[in-house]
PDB file of N, CA and C in Angstrom:
ATOM      1  N   LEU A   1      61.183 -33.515  28.766  1.00  0.00           N
ATOM      2  CA  LEU A   1      60.379 -34.631  28.138  1.00  0.00           C
ATOM      3  C   LEU A   1      60.903 -35.294  27.086  1.00  0.00           C
ATOM      4  N   TYR A   2      61.565 -34.538  26.153  1.00  0.00           N
ATOM      5  CA  TYR A   2      62.075 -35.250  24.952  1.00  0.00           C
ATOM      6  C   TYR A   2      63.552 -35.998  25.383  1.00  0.00           C
ATOM      7  N   ILE A   3      64.222 -35.388  26.393  1.00  0.00           N
ATOM      8  CA  ILE A   3      65.322 -36.062  26.783  1.00  0.00           C
ATOM      9  C   ILE A   3      65.018 -37.349  27.439  1.00  0.00           C
ATOM     10  N   TYR A   4      63.962 -37.337  28.353  1.00  0.00           N
ATOM     11  CA  TYR A   4      63.405 -38.469  28.964  1.00  0.00           C
ATOM     12  C   TYR A   4      63.098 -39.650  28.034  1.00  0.00           C
ATOM     13  N   ALA A   5      62.433 -39.305  26.866  1.00  0.00           N
ATOM     14  CA  ALA A   5      62.005 -40.196  25.803  1.00  0.00           C
ATOM     15  C   ALA A   5      63.375 -40.853  25.324  1.00  0.00           C
ATOM     16  N   VAL A   6      64.245 -39.972  24.883  1.00  0.00           N
ATOM     17  CA  VAL A   6      65.466 -40.491  24.322  1.00  0.00           C
ATOM     18  C   VAL A   6      66.208 -41.327  25.118  1.00  0.00           C
ATOM     19  N   LEU A   7      66.232 -41.107  26.430  1.00  0.00           N
ATOM     20  CA  LEU A   7      67.142 -41.948  27.478  1.00  0.00           C
ATOM     21  C   LEU A   7      66.189 -43.445  27.610  1.00  0.00           C
ATOM     22  N   VAL A   8      64.939 -43.295  27.545  1.00  0.00           N
ATOM     23  CA  VAL A   8      64.091 -44.557  27.851  1.00  0.00           C
ATOM     24  C   VAL A   8      64.430 -45.415  26.407  1.00  0.00           C
ATOM     25  N   VAL A   9      64.382 -44.830  25.232  1.00  0.00           N
ATOM     26  CA  VAL A   9      64.589 -45.598  24.113  1.00  0.00           C
ATOM     27  C   VAL A   9      66.062 -46.145  23.992  1.00  0.00           C
ATOM     28  N   HIS A  10      67.007 -45.369  24.619  1.00  0.00           N
ATOM     29  CA  HIS A  10      68.300 -45.626  24.476  1.00  0.00           C
ATOM     30  C   HIS A  10      68.481 -46.800  25.499  1.00  0.00           C
ATOM     31  N   THR A  11      68.126 -46.951  26.526  1.00  0.00           N
ATOM     32  CA  THR A  11      68.396 -48.041  27.519  1.00  0.00           C
ATOM     33  C   THR A  11      67.552 -49.153  27.008  1.00  0.00           C
ATOM     34  N   TYR A  12      66.292 -49.023  26.462  1.00  0.00           N
ATOM     35  CA  TYR A  12      65.619 -50.121  25.921  1.00  0.00           C
ATOM     36  C   TYR A  12      66.512 -50.935  24.790  1.00  0.00           C
ATOM     37  N   TYR A  13      67.012 -50.107  23.762  1.00  0.00           N
ATOM     38  CA  TYR A  13      67.807 -50.753  22.676  1.00  0.00           C
ATOM     39  C   TYR A  13      69.066 -51.361  23.286  1.00  0.00           C
ATOM     40  N   GLU A  14      69.580 -50.740  24.260  1.00  0.00           N
ATOM     41  CA  GLU A  14      71.090 -51.407  25.040  1.00  0.00           C
ATOM     42  C   GLU A  14      70.579 -52.613  25.574  1.00  0.00           C
ATOM     43  N   ASN A  15      69.464 -52.794  26.255  1.00  0.00           N
ATOM     44  CA  ASN A  15      69.113 -54.022  26.902  1.00  0.00           C
ATOM     45  C   ASN A  15      68.913 -55.078  25.797  1.00  0.00           C
ATOM     46  N   LEU A  16      68.217 -54.657  24.797  1.00  0.00           N
ATOM     47  CA  LEU A  16      67.808 -55.678  23.695  1.00  0.00           C
ATOM     48  C   LEU A  16      69.021 -56.114  23.008  1.00  0.00           C
ATOM     49  N   ARG A  17      69.953 -55.259  22.703  1.00  0.00           N
ATOM     50  CA  ARG A  17      71.272 -55.589  22.211  1.00  0.00           C
ATOM     51  C   ARG A  17      72.088 -56.636  22.960  1.00  0.00           C
ATOM     52  N   SER A  18      72.175 -56.334  24.330  1.00  0.00           N
ATOM     53  CA  SER A  18      72.938 -57.195  25.256  1.00  0.00           C
ATOM     54  C   SER A  18      72.265 -58.413  25.326  1.00  0.00           C
ATOM     55  N   ARG A  19      70.790 -58.445  25.211  1.00  0.00           N
ATOM     56  CA  ARG A  19      70.225 -59.754  25.280  1.00  0.00           C
ATOM     57  C   ARG A  19      70.429 -60.486  24.083  1.00  0.00           C
ATOM     58  N   GLU A  20      70.645 -60.013  22.865  1.00  0.00           N
ATOM     59  CA  GLU A  20      70.930 -60.644  21.790  1.00  0.00           C
ATOM     60  C   GLU A  20      72.264 -61.076  21.794  1.00  0.00           C
ATOM     61  N   VAL A  21      73.217 -60.466  22.266  1.00  0.00           N
ATOM     62  CA  VAL A  21      74.690 -60.825  22.414  1.00  0.00           C
ATOM     63  C   VAL A  21      74.774 -62.114  23.350  1.00  0.00           C
ATOM     64  N   GLU A  22      73.959 -62.050  24.505  1.00  0.00           N
ATOM     65  CA  GLU A  22      73.986 -63.184  25.310  1.00  0.00           C
ATOM     66  C   GLU A  22      73.315 -64.386  24.592  1.00  0.00           C
ATOM     67  N   LEU A  23      72.477 -64.214  23.881  1.00  0.00           N
ATOM     68  CA  LEU A  23      71.713 -65.317  23.301  1.00  0.00           C
ATOM     69  C   LEU A  23      72.620 -65.884  22.051  1.00  0.00           C
ATOM     70  N   PHE A  24      73.424 -64.993  21.493  1.00  0.00           N
ATOM     71  CA  PHE A  24      74.477 -65.400  20.619  1.00  0.00           C
ATOM     72  C   PHE A  24      75.524 -66.274  21.214  1.00  0.00           C
ATOM     73  N   PHE A  25      76.116 -65.853  22.214  1.00  0.00           N
ATOM     74  CA  PHE A  25      77.187 -66.503  23.047  1.00  0.00           C
ATOM     75  C   PHE A  25      76.627 -67.897  23.548  1.00  0.00           C
ATOM     76  N   ALA A  26      75.282 -67.956  24.070  1.00  0.00           N
ATOM     77  CA  ALA A  26      74.641 -69.050  24.485  1.00  0.00           C
ATOM     78  C   ALA A  26      74.674 -70.158  23.512  1.00  0.00           C
ATOM     79  N   LEU A  27      74.423 -69.685  22.167  1.00  0.00           N
ATOM     80  CA  LEU A  27      74.053 -70.580  21.114  1.00  0.00           C
ATOM     81  C   LEU A  27      75.640 -71.141  20.665  1.00  0.00           C
ATOM     82  N   GLN A  28      76.631 -70.323  20.900  1.00  0.00           N
ATOM     83  CA  GLN A  28      77.926 -70.576  20.304  1.00  0.00           C
ATOM     84  C   GLN A  28      78.650 -71.769  21.219  1.00  0.00           C
ATOM     85  N   SER A  29      78.700 -71.455  22.582  1.00  0.00           N
ATOM     86  CA  SER A  29      79.424 -72.437  23.432  1.00  0.00           C
ATOM     87  C   SER A  29      78.532 -73.182  24.513  1.00  0.00           C
ATOM     88  N   PRO A  30      78.853 -74.328  24.689  1.00  0.00           N
ATOM     89  CA  PRO A  30      77.986 -75.078  25.546  1.00  0.00           C
ATOM     90  C   PRO A  30      78.098 -74.704  26.994  1.00  0.00           C
ATOM     91  N   ASN A  31      79.159 -74.133  27.438  1.00  0.00           N
ATOM     92  CA  ASN A  31      79.450 -73.707  28.816  1.00  0.00           C
ATOM     93  C   ASN A  31      79.088 -72.090  28.982  1.00  0.00           C
ATOM     94  N   ALA A  32      78.115 -71.728  28.441  1.00  0.00           N
ATOM     95  CA  ALA A  32      77.535 -70.407  28.385  1.00  0.00           C
ATOM     96  C   ALA A  32      77.145 -69.728  29.620  1.00  0.00           C
ATOM     97  N   PRO A  33      76.430 -70.264  30.606  1.00  0.00           N
ATOM     98  CA  PRO A  33      75.946 -69.795  31.599  1.00  0.00           C
ATOM     99  C   PRO A  33      77.153 -69.261  32.650  1.00  0.00           C
ATOM    100  N   THR A  34      78.164 -70.203  32.775  1.00  0.00           N
ATOM    101  CA  THR A  34      79.298 -69.680  33.615  1.00  0.00           C
ATOM    102  C   THR A  34      80.050 -68.553  32.969  1.00  0.00           C
ATOM    103  N   ASP A  35      80.211 -68.640  31.568  1.00  0.00           N
ATOM    104  CA  ASP A  35      81.013 -67.546  30.893  1.00  0.00           C
ATOM    105  C   ASP A  35      80.266 -66.139  31.050  1.00  0.00           C
ATOM    106  N   LEU A  36      78.870 -66.479  30.943  1.00  0.00           N
ATOM    107  CA  LEU A  36      78.078 -65.027  31.135  1.00  0.00           C
ATOM    108  C   LEU A  36      78.130 -64.576  32.599  1.00  0.00           C
ATOM    109  N   ALA A  37      78.179 -65.350  33.512  1.00  0.00           N
ATOM    110  CA  ALA A  37      78.251 -65.007  34.830  1.00  0.00           C
ATOM    111  C   ALA A  37      79.395 -64.360  35.302  1.00  0.00           C
ATOM    112  N   GLN A  38      80.642 -64.864  34.577  1.00  0.00           N
ATOM    113  CA  GLN A  38      81.815 -64.375  35.112  1.00  0.00           C
ATOM    114  C   GLN A  38      82.245 -63.163  34.254  1.00  0.00           C
ATOM    115  N   SER A  39      81.993 -63.081  33.006  1.00  0.00           N
ATOM    116  CA  SER A  39      82.212 -61.927  32.132  1.00  0.00           C
ATOM    117  C   SER A  39      81.238 -60.976  32.085  1.00  0.00           C
ATOM    118  N   PRO A  40      81.872 -59.672  32.005  1.00  0.00           N
ATOM    119  CA  PRO A  40      80.921 -58.469  31.861  1.00  0.00           C
ATOM    120  C   PRO A  40      80.234 -58.577  30.571  1.00  0.00           C
ATOM    121  N   PRO A  41      78.998 -57.896  30.223  1.00  0.00           N
ATOM    122  CA  PRO A  41      78.429 -57.861  29.048  1.00  0.00           C
ATOM    123  C   PRO A  41      79.154 -57.123  27.861  1.00  0.00           C
ATOM    124  N   VAL A  42      79.208 -57.896  26.670  1.00  0.00           N
ATOM    125  CA  VAL A  42      79.989 -57.190  25.689  1.00  0.00           C
ATOM    126  C   VAL A  42      79.304 -56.019  24.937  1.00  0.00           C
ATOM    127  N   MET A  43      79.765 -54.994  24.775  1.00  0.00           N
ATOM    128  CA  MET A  43      79.174 -53.854  24.070  1.00  0.00           C
ATOM    129  C   MET A  43      79.616 -53.974  22.574  1.00  0.00           C
ATOM    130  N   LEU A  44      78.713 -53.911  21.628  1.00  0.00           N
ATOM    131  CA  LEU A  44      79.063 -53.938  20.368  1.00  0.00           C
ATOM    132  C   LEU A  44      78.851 -52.481  19.746  1.00  0.00           C
TER     133      LEU A  44
END
């Protein structure tokens, strides 16, 4: 049960981080939707 909780928290933070990266790139470049659709998510 402890491992399950750690896995859930880990996936939640990964999704949150990838969403912040997508928001950051969307604010940086005007043609972000096509860039996000063609490129894989960046892992920081």
